[in-house]
Amino acid sequence: MYVIRRSSHNPLIAPANDKQWESRGTFNPSPIQAGKMTYLLYRAQSRPDALIAPGGLSTIGKAFTIDGVHFQNRRQFIVPTEEWDKYGCEDPRATFFEGKYYIFYTALAGQPFGRAILKWPVQSLKTWRPSKRSTLSLF
């Protein structure tokens, strides 16, 4: 049984004004335990940009912690690059299964917004670099 307590250090991840890609908001974290490290995948929302994303663009950020409170090395992890995710990437989740991490997220595309749930098999969260994504379902 897990005992869950609200941290007195809240929020653990907050928007960073010096990073345009996450200056408007940080949401929906997904922690992943890997040895002594805890990685956190989260939705990061940028400031609005009249030419690119008037409401701000959502991407997936990644950070890690050793103590569970102080997150380091915050950076963009998944950025929309395809037609089917050009309006953003949201709600990351990850699981470890048979020696690989599988990362899932919601991609936004089209008008009205179409959604796709995508997965990425990953050997290591520490050294992962983008590779081929596969679509699980469209709805």
C-alpha atoms as a PDB file:
ATOM      1  CA  MET A   1       0.000   0.000   0.000  1.00  0.00           C
ATOM      2  CA  TYR A   2       1.203   3.491  -0.857  1.00  0.00           C
ATOM      3  CA  VAL A   3       0.771   6.431   1.451  1.00  0.00           C
ATOM      4  CA  ILE A   4       0.541   9.620  -0.560  1.00  0.00           C
ATOM      5  CA  ARG A   5       1.105  13.017   1.017  1.00  0.00           C
ATOM      6  CA  ARG A   6       1.039  16.434  -0.597  1.00  0.00           C
ATOM      7  CA  SER A   7       4.546  17.853  -0.752  1.00  0.00           C
ATOM      8  CA  SER A   8       5.257  21.038   1.157  1.00  0.00           C
ATOM      9  CA  HIS A   9       7.484  21.972  -1.799  1.00  0.00           C
ATOM     10  CA  ASN A  10       4.544  22.445  -4.206  1.00  0.00           C
ATOM     11  CA  PRO A  11       4.612  23.087  -7.025  1.00  0.00           C
ATOM     12  CA  LEU A  12       7.427  20.690  -7.912  1.00  0.00           C
ATOM     13  CA  ILE A  13       7.430  21.893 -11.531  1.00  0.00           C
ATOM     14  CA  ALA A  14       6.235  25.413 -12.338  1.00  0.00           C
ATOM     15  CA  PRO A  15       6.358  27.463 -15.556  1.00  0.00           C
ATOM     16  CA  ALA A  16       9.782  28.972 -16.254  1.00  0.00           C
ATOM     17  CA  ASN A  17       9.678  32.446 -17.823  1.00  0.00           C
ATOM     18  CA  ASP A  18      13.206  32.067 -19.192  1.00  0.00           C
ATOM     19  CA  LYS A  19      12.137  29.029 -21.282  1.00  0.00           C
ATOM     20  CA  GLN A  20       9.638  30.119 -23.925  1.00  0.00           C
ATOM     21  CA  TRP A  21       8.479  26.521 -24.530  1.00  0.00           C
ATOM     22  CA  GLU A  22       7.225  26.163 -20.929  1.00  0.00           C
ATOM     23  CA  SER A  23       6.604  29.748 -19.878  1.00  0.00           C
ATOM     24  CA  ARG A  24       2.802  29.614 -19.825  1.00  0.00           C
ATOM     25  CA  GLY A  25       2.151  26.379 -17.983  1.00  0.00           C
ATOM     26  CA  THR A  26       3.333  22.973 -16.778  1.00  0.00           C
ATOM     27  CA  PHE A  27       0.672  20.270 -16.376  1.00  0.00           C
ATOM     28  CA  ASN A  28      -0.166  16.583 -16.093  1.00  0.00           C
ATOM     29  CA  PRO A  29       3.123  15.069 -14.891  1.00  0.00           C
ATOM     30  CA  SER A  30       3.970  11.399 -15.242  1.00  0.00           C
ATOM     31  CA  PRO A  31       6.766  10.145 -12.946  1.00  0.00           C
ATOM     32  CA  ILE A  32       8.935   7.186 -13.962  1.00  0.00           C
ATOM     33  CA  GLN A  33      11.265   5.484 -11.488  1.00  0.00           C
ATOM     34  CA  ALA A  34      14.518   4.261 -13.071  1.00  0.00           C
ATOM     35  CA  GLY A  35      16.973   3.060 -10.445  1.00  0.00           C
ATOM     36  CA  LYS A  36      17.703   5.911  -8.024  1.00  0.00           C
ATOM     37  CA  MET A  37      16.419   8.525 -10.462  1.00  0.00           C
ATOM     38  CA  THR A  38      12.863   9.669 -10.951  1.00  0.00           C
ATOM     39  CA  TYR A  39      12.111  11.154 -14.347  1.00  0.00           C
ATOM     40  CA  LEU A  40       9.127  13.388 -14.851  1.00  0.00           C
ATOM     41  CA  LEU A  41       7.410  13.796 -18.199  1.00  0.00           C
ATOM     42  CA  TYR A  42       4.990  16.716 -18.293  1.00  0.00           C
ATOM     43  CA  ARG A  43       2.950  18.890 -20.633  1.00  0.00           C
ATOM     44  CA  ALA A  44       4.626  22.263 -21.130  1.00  0.00           C
ATOM     45  CA  GLN A  45       2.756  25.143 -22.725  1.00  0.00           C
ATOM     46  CA  SER A  46       4.506  28.030 -24.455  1.00  0.00           C
ATOM     47  CA  ARG A  47       3.561  31.684 -24.508  1.00  0.00           C
ATOM     48  CA  PRO A  48       1.103  32.572 -27.269  1.00  0.00           C
ATOM     49  CA  ASP A  49       2.664  33.371 -30.624  1.00  0.00           C
ATOM     50  CA  ALA A  50       0.413  35.091 -33.171  1.00  0.00           C
ATOM     51  CA  LEU A  51       2.105  33.377 -36.127  1.00  0.00           C
ATOM     52  CA  ILE A  52       2.704  29.873 -34.790  1.00  0.00           C
ATOM     53  CA  ALA A  53       0.309  29.153 -31.931  1.00  0.00           C
ATOM     54  CA  PRO A  54      -2.062  31.944 -30.853  1.00  0.00           C
ATOM     55  CA  GLY A  55      -3.080  29.978 -27.747  1.00  0.00           C
ATOM     56  CA  GLY A  56       0.389  28.650 -26.985  1.00  0.00           C
ATOM     57  CA  LEU A  57       1.850  25.332 -28.158  1.00  0.00           C
ATOM     58  CA  SER A  58       1.961  22.237 -25.950  1.00  0.00           C
ATOM     59  CA  THR A  59       5.062  20.052 -25.979  1.00  0.00           C
ATOM     60  CA  ILE A  60       6.351  17.338 -23.638  1.00  0.00           C
ATOM     61  CA  GLY A  61       9.040  18.307 -21.150  1.00  0.00           C
ATOM     62  CA  LYS A  62      11.360  16.035 -19.185  1.00  0.00           C
ATOM     63  CA  ALA A  63      13.193  16.562 -15.902  1.00  0.00           C
ATOM     64  CA  PHE A  64      14.789  14.298 -13.312  1.00  0.00           C
ATOM     65  CA  THR A  65      15.300  14.216  -9.571  1.00  0.00           C
ATOM     66  CA  ILE A  66      17.272  12.125  -7.146  1.00  0.00           C
ATOM     67  CA  ASP A  67      15.548  13.331  -3.971  1.00  0.00           C
ATOM     68  CA  GLY A  68      11.973  13.445  -5.326  1.00  0.00           C
ATOM     69  CA  VAL A  69      11.658  17.205  -4.774  1.00  0.00           C
ATOM     70  CA  HIS A  70      14.286  19.170  -6.703  1.00  0.00           C
ATOM     71  CA  PHE A  71      13.974  18.616 -10.466  1.00  0.00           C
ATOM     72  CA  GLN A  72      16.963  19.282 -12.712  1.00  0.00           C
ATOM     73  CA  ASN A  73      17.822  19.417 -16.406  1.00  0.00           C
ATOM     74  CA  ARG A  74      14.388  20.529 -17.576  1.00  0.00           C
ATOM     75  CA  ARG A  75      14.217  20.343 -21.357  1.00  0.00           C
ATOM     76  CA  GLN A  76      11.849  19.744 -24.226  1.00  0.00           C
ATOM     77  CA  PHE A  77      11.487  16.038 -24.798  1.00  0.00           C
ATOM     78  CA  ILE A  78       8.855  15.629 -27.510  1.00  0.00           C
ATOM     79  CA  VAL A  79       8.085  18.456 -29.936  1.00  0.00           C
ATOM     80  CA  PRO A  80       5.347  18.389 -32.595  1.00  0.00           C
ATOM     81  CA  THR A  81       6.969  17.921 -36.004  1.00  0.00           C
ATOM     82  CA  GLU A  82       4.357  16.065 -38.036  1.00  0.00           C
ATOM     83  CA  GLU A  83       1.062  17.055 -39.636  1.00  0.00           C
ATOM     84  CA  TRP A  84      -0.809  14.860 -37.131  1.00  0.00           C
ATOM     85  CA  ASP A  85       0.632  16.630 -34.056  1.00  0.00           C
ATOM     86  CA  LYS A  86       1.143  20.173 -35.355  1.00  0.00           C
ATOM     87  CA  TYR A  87      -1.232  21.662 -32.767  1.00  0.00           C
ATOM     88  CA  GLY A  88       0.543  20.119 -29.819  1.00  0.00           C
ATOM     89  CA  CYS A  89       1.533  17.124 -27.713  1.00  0.00           C
ATOM     90  CA  GLU A  90      -0.206  16.573 -24.372  1.00  0.00           C
ATOM     91  CA  ASP A  91      -0.762  14.218 -21.447  1.00  0.00           C
ATOM     92  CA  PRO A  92       2.413  12.091 -21.462  1.00  0.00           C
ATOM     93  CA  ARG A  93       2.398   8.707 -19.773  1.00  0.00           C
ATOM     94  CA  ALA A  94       5.121   6.074 -19.600  1.00  0.00           C
ATOM     95  CA  THR A  95       5.377   2.483 -18.517  1.00  0.00           C
ATOM     96  CA  PHE A  96       8.202  -0.063 -18.336  1.00  0.00           C
ATOM     97  CA  PHE A  97       7.458  -3.396 -19.993  1.00  0.00           C
ATOM     98  CA  GLU A  98       9.787  -6.224 -21.056  1.00  0.00           C
ATOM     99  CA  GLY A  99      12.958  -4.139 -20.869  1.00  0.00           C
ATOM    100  CA  LYS A 100      11.673  -1.013 -22.593  1.00  0.00           C
ATOM    101  CA  TYR A 101       9.907   2.168 -21.591  1.00  0.00           C
ATOM    102  CA  TYR A 102       6.833   2.942 -23.645  1.00  0.00           C
ATOM    103  CA  ILE A 103       5.878   6.595 -23.819  1.00  0.00           C
ATOM    104  CA  PHE A 104       2.319   7.502 -24.742  1.00  0.00           C
ATOM    105  CA  TYR A 105       0.906  10.945 -25.401  1.00  0.00           C
ATOM    106  CA  THR A 106      -1.999  12.686 -27.082  1.00  0.00           C
ATOM    107  CA  ALA A 107      -1.279  14.490 -30.364  1.00  0.00           C
ATOM    108  CA  LEU A 108      -3.497  17.304 -31.595  1.00  0.00           C
ATOM    109  CA  ALA A 109      -4.060  17.928 -35.306  1.00  0.00           C
ATOM    110  CA  GLY A 110      -6.637  19.172 -37.765  1.00  0.00           C
ATOM    111  CA  GLN A 111      -9.740  21.309 -37.475  1.00  0.00           C
ATOM    112  CA  PRO A 112     -11.740  20.510 -35.501  1.00  0.00           C
ATOM    113  CA  PHE A 113      -8.910  19.041 -33.485  1.00  0.00           C
ATOM    114  CA  GLY A 114      -8.253  15.430 -34.326  1.00  0.00           C
ATOM    115  CA  ARG A 115      -6.495  13.378 -31.692  1.00  0.00           C
ATOM    116  CA  ALA A 116      -4.115  10.472 -31.878  1.00  0.00           C
ATOM    117  CA  ILE A 117      -2.543   8.472 -29.091  1.00  0.00           C
ATOM    118  CA  LEU A 118       1.038   7.652 -29.898  1.00  0.00           C
ATOM    119  CA  LYS A 119       3.632   5.367 -28.427  1.00  0.00           C
ATOM    120  CA  TRP A 120       7.397   5.411 -28.512  1.00  0.00           C
ATOM    121  CA  PRO A 121       9.464   2.414 -27.375  1.00  0.00           C
ATOM    122  CA  VAL A 122      12.542   3.633 -25.478  1.00  0.00           C
ATOM    123  CA  GLN A 123      15.517   1.657 -24.123  1.00  0.00           C
ATOM    124  CA  SER A 124      16.757   4.334 -21.714  1.00  0.00           C
ATOM    125  CA  LEU A 125      15.140   7.550 -20.516  1.00  0.00           C
ATOM    126  CA  LYS A 126      18.580   9.021 -19.842  1.00  0.00           C
ATOM    127  CA  THR A 127      19.931   8.703 -23.393  1.00  0.00           C
ATOM    128  CA  TRP A 128      16.701   8.661 -25.406  1.00  0.00           C
ATOM    129  CA  ARG A 129      16.538  10.593 -28.648  1.00  0.00           C
ATOM    130  CA  PRO A 130      13.487  10.915 -30.900  1.00  0.00           C
ATOM    131  CA  SER A 131      12.953   8.108 -33.379  1.00  0.00           C
ATOM    132  CA  LYS A 132      10.008   6.628 -35.213  1.00  0.00           C
ATOM    133  CA  ARG A 133       6.656   7.047 -33.469  1.00  0.00           C
ATOM    134  CA  SER A 134       3.712   4.748 -34.033  1.00  0.00           C
ATOM    135  CA  THR A 135       0.044   5.653 -33.825  1.00  0.00           C
ATOM    136  CA  LEU A 136      -2.111   3.503 -31.580  1.00  0.00           C
ATOM    137  CA  SER A 137      -5.499   4.951 -32.365  1.00  0.00           C
ATOM    138  CA  LEU A 138      -7.200   7.918 -33.900  1.00  0.00           C
ATOM    139  CA  PHE A 139     -10.419   9.368 -32.589  1.00  0.00           C
END
